Protein backbone atom coordinates (compact mmCIF):
# COMPACT_ATOMS: atom_id res chain seq x y z
CA UNK A 1 0.00 0.00 0.00
CA UNK A 2 1.38 3.42 -0.98
CA UNK A 3 1.97 6.24 1.51
CA UNK A 4 -0.92 8.18 -0.05
CA UNK A 5 -3.29 5.25 0.48
CA UNK A 6 -2.24 5.09 4.13
CA UNK A 7 -3.28 8.68 4.79
CA UNK A 8 -6.33 9.02 7.08
CA UNK A 9 -8.56 10.77 4.53
CA UNK A 10 -7.39 8.93 1.42
CA UNK A 11 -10.41 8.37 -0.83
CA UNK A 12 -12.43 11.27 0.62
CA UNK A 13 -13.48 13.74 -2.09
CA UNK A 14 -14.02 17.39 -1.18
CA UNK A 15 -15.69 20.12 -3.21
CA UNK A 16 -14.17 23.32 -1.87
CA UNK A 17 -16.26 26.47 -2.47
CA UNK A 18 -14.26 28.59 -0.02
CA UNK A 19 -12.05 31.65 -0.47
CA UNK A 20 -9.80 34.00 1.48
CA UNK A 21 -8.31 32.45 4.67
CA UNK A 22 -10.81 30.64 6.91
CA UNK A 23 -12.26 28.04 4.53
CA UNK A 24 -9.02 27.38 2.65
CA UNK A 25 -7.29 26.82 6.02
CA UNK A 26 -9.78 24.02 6.69
CA UNK A 27 -9.39 22.40 3.28
CA UNK A 28 -5.60 22.63 3.52
CA UNK A 29 -5.81 20.41 6.61
CA UNK A 30 -8.09 17.96 4.80
CA UNK A 31 -5.80 17.89 1.77
CA UNK A 32 -2.67 17.30 3.86
CA UNK A 33 -4.49 14.38 5.51
CA UNK A 34 -5.03 12.78 2.11
CA UNK A 35 -8.41 14.05 0.87
CA UNK A 36 -8.80 15.04 -2.78
CA UNK A 37 -9.72 18.73 -2.60
CA UNK A 38 -11.27 20.30 -5.68
CA UNK A 39 -11.05 24.05 -5.24
CA UNK A 40 -13.78 25.86 -7.20
CA UNK A 41 -12.82 29.41 -8.13
CA UNK A 42 -14.59 32.18 -9.99
CA UNK A 43 -13.45 33.19 -13.48
CA UNK A 44 -10.66 35.68 -14.17
CA UNK A 45 -9.46 36.59 -10.63
CA UNK A 46 -10.24 33.38 -8.74
CA UNK A 47 -9.94 33.29 -4.95
CA UNK A 48 -9.45 36.77 -3.43
CA UNK A 49 -6.40 35.39 -1.65
CA UNK A 50 -4.56 35.23 -4.99
CA UNK A 51 -4.39 39.03 -4.83
CA UNK A 52 -3.18 39.30 -1.23
CA UNK A 53 0.40 40.52 -0.87
CA UNK A 54 3.21 40.08 -0.25
CA UNK A 55 4.10 38.08 -3.36
CA UNK A 56 6.77 35.59 -4.42
CA UNK A 57 7.44 36.17 -8.12
CA UNK A 58 3.82 37.17 -8.66
CA UNK A 59 2.27 34.45 -6.48
CA UNK A 60 0.54 35.42 -3.22
CA UNK A 61 2.27 34.13 -0.10
CA UNK A 62 -1.16 33.83 1.56
CA UNK A 63 -2.47 31.68 -1.27
CA UNK A 64 0.65 29.52 -1.47
CA UNK A 65 0.57 28.80 2.27
CA UNK A 66 -2.99 27.46 2.54
CA UNK A 67 -3.86 26.08 -0.90
CA UNK A 68 -1.23 23.38 -1.31
CA UNK A 69 -2.32 19.87 -2.30
CA UNK A 70 -5.48 21.17 -4.03
CA UNK A 71 -6.79 21.11 -7.58
CA UNK A 72 -8.13 24.37 -9.02
CA UNK A 73 -11.29 24.33 -11.14
CA UNK A 74 -12.85 27.52 -12.55
CA UNK A 75 -16.67 27.41 -12.68
CA UNK A 76 -18.95 30.45 -12.92
CA UNK A 77 -21.61 29.66 -10.33
CA UNK A 78 -23.53 32.82 -11.18
CA UNK A 79 -24.63 31.15 -14.42
CA UNK A 80 -27.32 28.47 -14.37
CA UNK A 81 -25.18 25.92 -16.17
CA UNK A 82 -22.39 26.55 -13.68
CA UNK A 83 -24.80 25.87 -10.83
CA UNK A 84 -25.92 22.66 -12.51
CA UNK A 85 -22.29 21.62 -12.85
CA UNK A 86 -21.75 22.15 -9.11
CA UNK A 87 -24.83 19.98 -8.45
CA UNK A 88 -23.33 17.18 -10.57
CA UNK A 89 -20.05 17.29 -8.69
CA UNK A 90 -21.73 17.60 -5.28
CA UNK A 91 -23.74 14.49 -6.04
CA UNK A 92 -20.53 12.44 -6.22
CA UNK A 93 -18.27 13.85 -3.50
CA UNK A 94 -18.17 13.18 0.24
CA UNK A 95 -17.95 16.76 1.42
CA UNK A 96 -18.87 20.28 0.31
CA UNK A 97 -17.42 23.17 2.29
CA UNK A 98 -18.20 26.86 1.79
CA UNK A 99 -17.70 30.21 3.52
CA UNK A 100 -20.07 32.46 1.57
CA UNK A 101 -22.09 35.10 3.35
CA UNK A 102 -25.45 33.70 4.48
CA UNK A 103 -28.08 33.75 1.73
CA UNK A 104 -25.74 33.87 -1.28
CA UNK A 105 -25.67 30.15 -2.05
CA UNK A 106 -29.39 29.83 -1.28
CA UNK A 107 -29.93 32.26 -4.17
CA UNK A 108 -28.03 29.90 -6.48
CA UNK A 109 -29.62 26.70 -5.14
CA UNK A 110 -26.26 25.53 -3.76
CA UNK A 111 -27.11 25.67 -0.06
CA UNK A 112 -26.69 22.75 2.31
CA UNK A 113 -30.34 21.74 2.47
CA UNK A 114 -30.58 21.48 -1.31
CA UNK A 115 -27.33 19.63 -1.92
CA UNK A 116 -27.80 17.23 1.02
CA UNK A 117 -31.29 16.38 -0.23
CA UNK A 118 -29.82 15.32 -3.55
CA UNK A 119 -26.95 13.39 -1.90
CA UNK A 120 -27.99 11.90 1.50
CA UNK A 121 -24.40 10.83 2.25
CA UNK A 122 -23.07 14.34 1.72
CA UNK A 123 -21.43 16.24 4.57
CA UNK A 124 -21.95 19.95 4.02
CA UNK A 125 -19.79 22.31 6.07
CA UNK A 126 -20.72 25.97 6.33
CA UNK A 127 -18.18 28.40 7.74
CA UNK A 128 -19.50 31.92 8.35
CA UNK A 129 -18.61 35.14 10.12
CA UNK A 130 -21.41 35.29 12.70
CA UNK A 131 -22.98 31.82 12.79
CA UNK A 132 -26.28 30.35 11.69
CA UNK A 133 -28.66 32.07 14.13
CA UNK A 134 -29.21 35.60 15.33
CA UNK A 135 -29.88 38.91 13.66
CA UNK A 136 -26.26 39.27 12.53
CA UNK A 137 -25.99 35.84 10.89
CA UNK A 138 -26.01 37.30 7.37
CA UNK A 139 -23.53 40.10 8.07
CA UNK A 140 -20.11 40.05 6.38
CA UNK A 141 -17.12 39.88 8.67
CA UNK A 142 -13.36 39.45 8.67
CA UNK A 143 -10.83 38.26 11.21
CA UNK A 144 -10.02 41.65 12.74
CA UNK A 145 -13.70 42.64 12.91
CA UNK A 146 -14.53 39.47 14.84
CA UNK A 147 -11.48 39.90 17.10
CA UNK A 148 -13.03 43.24 18.04
CA UNK A 149 -16.58 41.86 18.38
CA UNK A 150 -15.65 38.90 20.59
CA UNK A 151 -13.41 40.88 22.96
CA UNK A 152 -10.06 39.46 21.86
CA UNK A 153 -8.85 42.86 20.67
CA UNK A 154 -9.74 44.43 24.02
CA UNK A 155 -7.12 42.30 25.78
CA UNK A 156 -4.44 42.33 23.05
CA UNK A 157 -1.67 44.91 22.94
CA UNK A 158 0.47 46.74 25.45
CA UNK A 159 -0.85 48.30 28.62
CA UNK A 160 -0.14 51.85 27.45
CA UNK A 161 -1.35 51.72 23.86
CA UNK A 162 -4.67 51.13 22.13
CA UNK A 163 -6.00 47.56 21.68
CA UNK A 164 -4.32 45.62 18.90
CA UNK A 165 -5.18 42.96 16.37
CA UNK A 166 -3.37 39.66 16.92
CA UNK A 167 -0.53 39.44 14.42
CA UNK A 168 -1.88 36.27 12.77
CA UNK A 169 -5.38 35.48 11.51
CA UNK A 170 -6.31 33.52 14.62
CA UNK A 171 -10.05 33.44 13.99
CA UNK A 172 -9.78 32.56 10.31
CA UNK A 173 -7.37 29.71 10.97
CA UNK A 174 -9.03 28.76 14.24
CA UNK A 175 -12.47 28.44 12.64
CA UNK A 176 -10.82 26.36 9.92
CA UNK A 177 -9.59 23.97 12.62
CA UNK A 178 -13.04 23.74 14.23
CA UNK A 179 -14.52 23.06 10.80
CA UNK A 180 -12.22 20.10 10.37
CA UNK A 181 -13.12 18.75 13.81
CA UNK A 182 -16.80 18.99 12.86
CA UNK A 183 -16.15 17.30 9.51
CA UNK A 184 -14.19 14.44 11.03
CA UNK A 185 -16.95 13.93 13.58
CA UNK A 186 -19.55 13.85 10.80
CA UNK A 187 -17.46 11.35 8.82
CA UNK A 188 -17.34 9.09 11.88
CA UNK A 189 -21.12 9.41 12.27
CA UNK A 190 -21.56 8.55 8.58
CA UNK A 191 -19.33 5.49 8.98
CA UNK A 192 -21.76 4.23 11.63
CA UNK A 193 -25.06 5.28 10.08
CA UNK A 194 -24.47 5.89 6.38
CA UNK A 195 -26.02 9.35 6.68
CA UNK A 196 -24.45 12.69 5.92
CA UNK A 197 -25.32 15.94 7.69
CA UNK A 198 -24.80 19.67 7.75
CA UNK A 199 -22.04 20.97 10.06
CA UNK A 200 -20.41 24.31 10.62
CA UNK A 201 -18.81 26.98 12.75
CA UNK A 202 -18.06 30.69 12.57
CA UNK A 203 -15.42 33.24 13.38
CA UNK A 204 -17.69 34.63 16.12
CA UNK A 205 -18.07 31.25 17.83
CA UNK A 206 -14.33 30.63 17.56
CA UNK A 207 -13.52 34.00 19.09
CA UNK A 208 -15.99 33.49 21.91
CA UNK A 209 -14.44 30.10 22.66
CA UNK A 210 -10.87 31.49 22.65
CA UNK A 211 -12.04 33.99 25.29
CA UNK A 212 -13.33 31.15 27.46
CA UNK A 213 -11.53 31.71 30.77
CA UNK A 214 -11.93 35.48 30.56
CA UNK A 215 -15.68 35.08 30.04
CA UNK A 216 -15.84 32.61 32.90
CA UNK A 217 -13.73 34.73 35.25
CA UNK A 218 -15.96 37.78 34.77
CA UNK A 219 -18.69 35.95 36.69
CA UNK A 220 -16.52 36.26 39.77
CA UNK A 221 -14.52 39.46 39.23
CA UNK A 222 -17.14 41.66 37.52
CA UNK A 223 -14.12 43.43 35.99
CA UNK A 224 -13.24 43.66 32.31
CA UNK A 225 -9.76 42.28 31.62
CA UNK A 226 -7.31 44.72 30.03
CA UNK A 227 -4.34 44.43 27.65
CA UNK A 228 -1.18 43.33 29.42
CA UNK A 229 1.26 43.22 26.54
CA UNK A 230 3.44 40.16 27.06
CA UNK A 231 2.34 39.78 30.68
CA UNK A 232 -0.28 37.34 31.95
CA UNK A 233 -3.28 38.12 34.13
CA UNK A 234 -2.79 34.96 36.22
CA UNK A 235 0.98 34.78 36.77
CA UNK A 236 3.99 36.89 37.75
CA UNK A 237 6.67 37.29 36.66
CA UNK A 238 5.46 36.55 33.15
CA UNK A 239 6.35 38.58 30.06
CA UNK A 240 9.21 40.32 28.28
CA UNK A 241 12.28 41.86 29.88
CA UNK A 242 15.02 43.98 28.33
CA UNK A 243 18.48 42.44 28.34
CA UNK A 244 21.60 44.32 27.24
CA UNK A 245 20.84 43.62 23.58
CA UNK A 246 17.44 41.96 23.09
CA UNK A 247 14.05 41.12 24.61
CA UNK A 248 13.75 38.01 26.77
CA UNK A 249 10.40 36.33 27.42
CA UNK A 250 9.88 34.59 30.77
CA UNK A 251 7.03 32.27 31.71
CA UNK A 252 6.83 31.67 35.48
CA UNK A 253 3.59 29.89 36.39
CA UNK A 254 4.32 28.59 39.92
CA UNK A 255 6.46 29.10 43.00
CA UNK A 256 8.88 26.33 42.11
CA UNK A 257 9.77 28.02 38.82
CA UNK A 258 10.14 31.35 40.59
CA UNK A 259 12.65 29.83 42.97
CA UNK A 260 14.60 28.40 40.03
CA UNK A 261 14.58 31.82 38.40
CA UNK A 262 15.91 33.74 41.38
CA UNK A 263 18.69 31.20 41.93
CA UNK A 264 19.68 31.43 38.25
CA UNK A 265 19.95 35.22 38.42
CA UNK A 266 21.54 35.30 41.90
CA UNK A 267 18.64 36.95 43.68
CA UNK A 268 18.13 34.33 46.42
CA UNK A 269 17.00 36.99 48.90
CA UNK A 270 13.71 37.33 47.00
CA UNK A 271 12.65 33.87 48.18
CA UNK A 272 11.67 35.30 51.59
CA UNK A 273 10.62 38.76 50.44
CA UNK A 274 6.95 39.10 51.50
CA UNK A 275 6.17 40.91 48.24
CA UNK A 276 7.22 37.85 46.23
CA UNK A 277 6.50 34.97 48.62
CA UNK A 278 3.83 33.44 46.38
CA UNK A 279 2.08 34.08 43.09
CA UNK A 280 -0.75 36.15 44.62
CA UNK A 281 1.72 38.53 46.25
CA UNK A 282 3.84 38.69 43.10
CA UNK A 283 0.75 39.69 41.11
CA UNK A 284 -0.01 42.42 43.65
CA UNK A 285 3.57 43.71 43.33
CA UNK A 286 4.01 42.96 39.62
CA UNK A 287 5.33 46.43 38.70
CA UNK A 288 7.99 46.36 41.43
CA UNK A 289 9.09 42.87 40.46
CA UNK A 290 9.21 43.72 36.76
CA UNK A 291 11.31 46.79 37.46
CA UNK A 292 13.82 44.76 39.49
CA UNK A 293 13.99 42.07 36.82
CA UNK A 294 14.57 44.60 34.04
CA UNK A 295 17.39 46.13 36.09
CA UNK A 296 18.94 42.69 36.53
CA UNK A 297 18.55 41.45 32.95
CA UNK A 298 19.78 44.68 31.36
CA UNK A 299 23.27 44.02 32.76
CA UNK A 300 24.04 41.11 30.39
CA UNK A 301 23.28 40.03 26.78
CA UNK A 302 20.29 37.84 26.03
CA UNK A 303 22.44 34.80 25.16
CA UNK A 304 23.99 34.90 28.62
CA UNK A 305 20.62 34.83 30.35
CA UNK A 306 19.20 32.18 28.03
CA UNK A 307 22.10 29.91 28.93
CA UNK A 308 21.66 30.48 32.68
CA UNK A 309 17.88 30.06 32.58
CA UNK A 310 17.91 26.99 30.34
CA UNK A 311 20.41 25.34 32.68
CA UNK A 312 18.07 26.08 35.59
CA UNK A 313 15.02 24.71 33.77
CA UNK A 314 13.23 28.07 33.55
CA UNK A 315 10.84 28.47 30.57
CA UNK A 316 12.18 31.34 28.46
CA UNK A 317 12.91 32.50 24.93
CA UNK A 318 14.29 35.34 22.94
CA UNK A 319 11.43 37.16 21.19
CA UNK A 320 12.34 36.09 17.69
CA UNK A 321 11.62 37.67 14.32
CA UNK A 322 10.51 35.56 11.36
CA UNK A 323 14.06 35.54 9.96
CA UNK A 324 15.28 34.09 13.26
CA UNK A 325 12.49 31.49 13.45
CA UNK A 326 13.44 30.16 10.01
CA UNK A 327 17.01 29.62 11.25
CA UNK A 328 15.98 28.19 14.62
CA UNK A 329 17.56 24.72 15.06
CA UNK A 330 14.34 23.38 16.60
CA UNK A 331 12.29 24.68 13.66
CA UNK A 332 14.71 22.96 11.28
CA UNK A 333 14.84 19.75 13.30
CA UNK A 334 11.04 19.47 13.11
CA UNK A 335 11.16 20.10 9.34
CA UNK A 336 8.38 22.67 9.60
CA UNK A 337 8.80 24.04 6.04
CA UNK A 338 8.93 21.25 3.44
CA UNK A 339 9.80 22.13 -0.14
CA UNK A 340 7.15 21.29 -2.76
CA UNK A 341 6.86 21.70 -6.51
CA UNK A 342 4.88 24.57 -8.04
CA UNK A 343 3.82 25.06 -11.65
CA UNK A 344 5.24 28.59 -12.02
CA UNK A 345 7.73 28.90 -9.16
CA UNK A 346 9.28 25.43 -9.66
CA UNK A 347 9.55 24.98 -5.90
CA UNK A 348 8.22 26.74 -2.81
CA UNK A 349 8.44 26.11 0.94
CA UNK A 350 5.20 26.06 2.95
CA UNK A 351 4.49 25.21 6.61
CA UNK A 352 3.36 21.65 7.30
CA UNK A 353 0.55 20.65 9.64
CA UNK A 354 1.68 20.71 13.30
CA UNK A 355 0.57 17.12 13.96
CA UNK A 356 2.24 13.71 13.95
CA UNK A 357 0.62 10.45 12.82
CA UNK A 358 3.07 7.58 13.07
CA UNK A 359 1.35 5.16 10.67
CA UNK A 360 -0.69 7.51 8.49
CA UNK A 361 1.25 10.77 8.23
CA UNK A 362 -0.04 14.03 6.84
CA UNK A 363 1.99 15.35 3.93
CA UNK A 364 2.41 18.41 1.74
CA UNK A 365 2.88 16.82 -1.68
CA UNK A 366 2.14 19.62 -4.15
CA UNK A 367 2.22 23.39 -4.19
CA UNK A 368 -0.84 25.59 -4.61
CA UNK A 369 -2.47 25.31 -8.06
CA UNK A 370 -2.60 27.96 -10.74
CA UNK A 371 -6.06 29.35 -11.41
CA UNK A 372 -8.08 26.73 -13.29
CA UNK A 373 -5.10 24.44 -13.66
CA UNK A 374 -7.15 21.27 -13.18
CA UNK A 375 -10.55 22.23 -14.63
CA UNK A 376 -10.58 19.79 -17.55
CA UNK A 377 -8.87 17.01 -15.61
CA UNK A 378 -11.42 17.15 -12.80
CA UNK A 379 -14.49 17.44 -15.02
CA UNK A 380 -13.39 14.41 -17.01
CA UNK A 381 -12.81 12.53 -13.77
CA UNK A 382 -16.38 13.28 -12.65
CA UNK A 383 -18.00 12.16 -15.88
CA UNK A 384 -18.46 15.37 -17.83
CA UNK A 385 -18.26 14.62 -21.55
CA UNK A 386 -15.82 16.22 -23.99
CA UNK A 387 -18.72 17.78 -25.85
CA UNK A 388 -20.03 19.40 -22.69
CA UNK A 389 -16.55 20.56 -21.70
CA UNK A 390 -16.08 22.31 -25.05
CA UNK A 391 -19.52 23.93 -24.78
CA UNK A 392 -18.84 25.11 -21.24
CA UNK A 393 -15.52 26.63 -22.37
CA UNK A 394 -17.17 28.44 -25.28
CA UNK A 395 -19.89 29.89 -23.02
CA UNK A 396 -17.43 30.98 -20.33
CA UNK A 397 -18.94 28.64 -17.75
CA UNK A 398 -15.51 27.14 -17.08
CA UNK A 399 -11.90 28.18 -17.59
CA UNK A 400 -8.83 26.03 -17.94
CA UNK A 401 -5.83 28.31 -18.15
CA UNK A 402 -2.15 27.99 -17.41
CA UNK A 403 0.25 30.90 -17.72
CA UNK A 404 -2.17 32.69 -20.05
CA UNK A 405 -2.82 29.78 -22.39
CA UNK A 406 -5.75 27.40 -22.55
CA UNK A 407 -4.81 23.74 -22.27
CA UNK A 408 -6.93 20.59 -22.55
């Protein structure tokens, strides 16, 4: 049996109607786990993510990162024949996933209720901004908007400055992860019963869940949490400190680690200081403790302190830039950026899934597709005749282009 056949989702066929970041993040996971993902894109410009900079020789870094292992098919779903073509494909696949604004696909007859009625084994995953219920369910929304709406932005940033957006698309990618969990659960249910179902999540629900302990704590404190920069509301010392040449991040979550820290930096007298005797007192005197630690750490370079703290078993790290992460020995040891082939770039490196499966590993086998690169191949595979393919091409229902030229 080949490695591809050993993959967990080998044989699962996915019709991917998603765009931008959230939905494609979900289908990237499915594809890396072995599913055949057919990415349906609109004519001419395709997925909006293709236009998101920065670019690598004309190819979007966003698109390259989360559309590997997929096949691109261009179908105009605004035209009736394009809608009928989607129905034909949806009748044969295991999963349809979409992240359109509520009501759009209903207008085209491509909603979950319609497609699942025609294919009872179909799993239909809907990924939205605000969820399926409520007065805002049909509103458009993006990652930063939902970070603001769910409170994440109110606790992100430094103490002195205005709230900040998290530096990565945590709700887009997070909702993609929850989508996959829902899909895998539905596949397990179908294995037992033979029946498909509609599943889904949203950026709003993801954001609300990420805020879980803050939402829970408010019941007791009746106080809104505030931005703490690199600090933590539950522990001290916890956060960044200025060394002689760089920023050092400490994570001290209990008294034992605090005692290791003070021995490593030769401040044993703090063990019996009533201000620092336990975590509660350290939190109450956080500013004093931080000031003393900054004074201490600023006397030596970051490498010196990293060596001392690592030897003492204290959780710590330099605050690294992307260029430093790429050179990090641990990053390289874990082979986090495999090199894959790409039709116009020849090769490109993209991050792999952060999971390990000993007997059925996930894999990044191919780079992101060019727009419409697999249109003819996929339609033939799903039983569309040559005559129909030619007619669809002539009418502009489908496109099959590569580097500006049509190929069949």
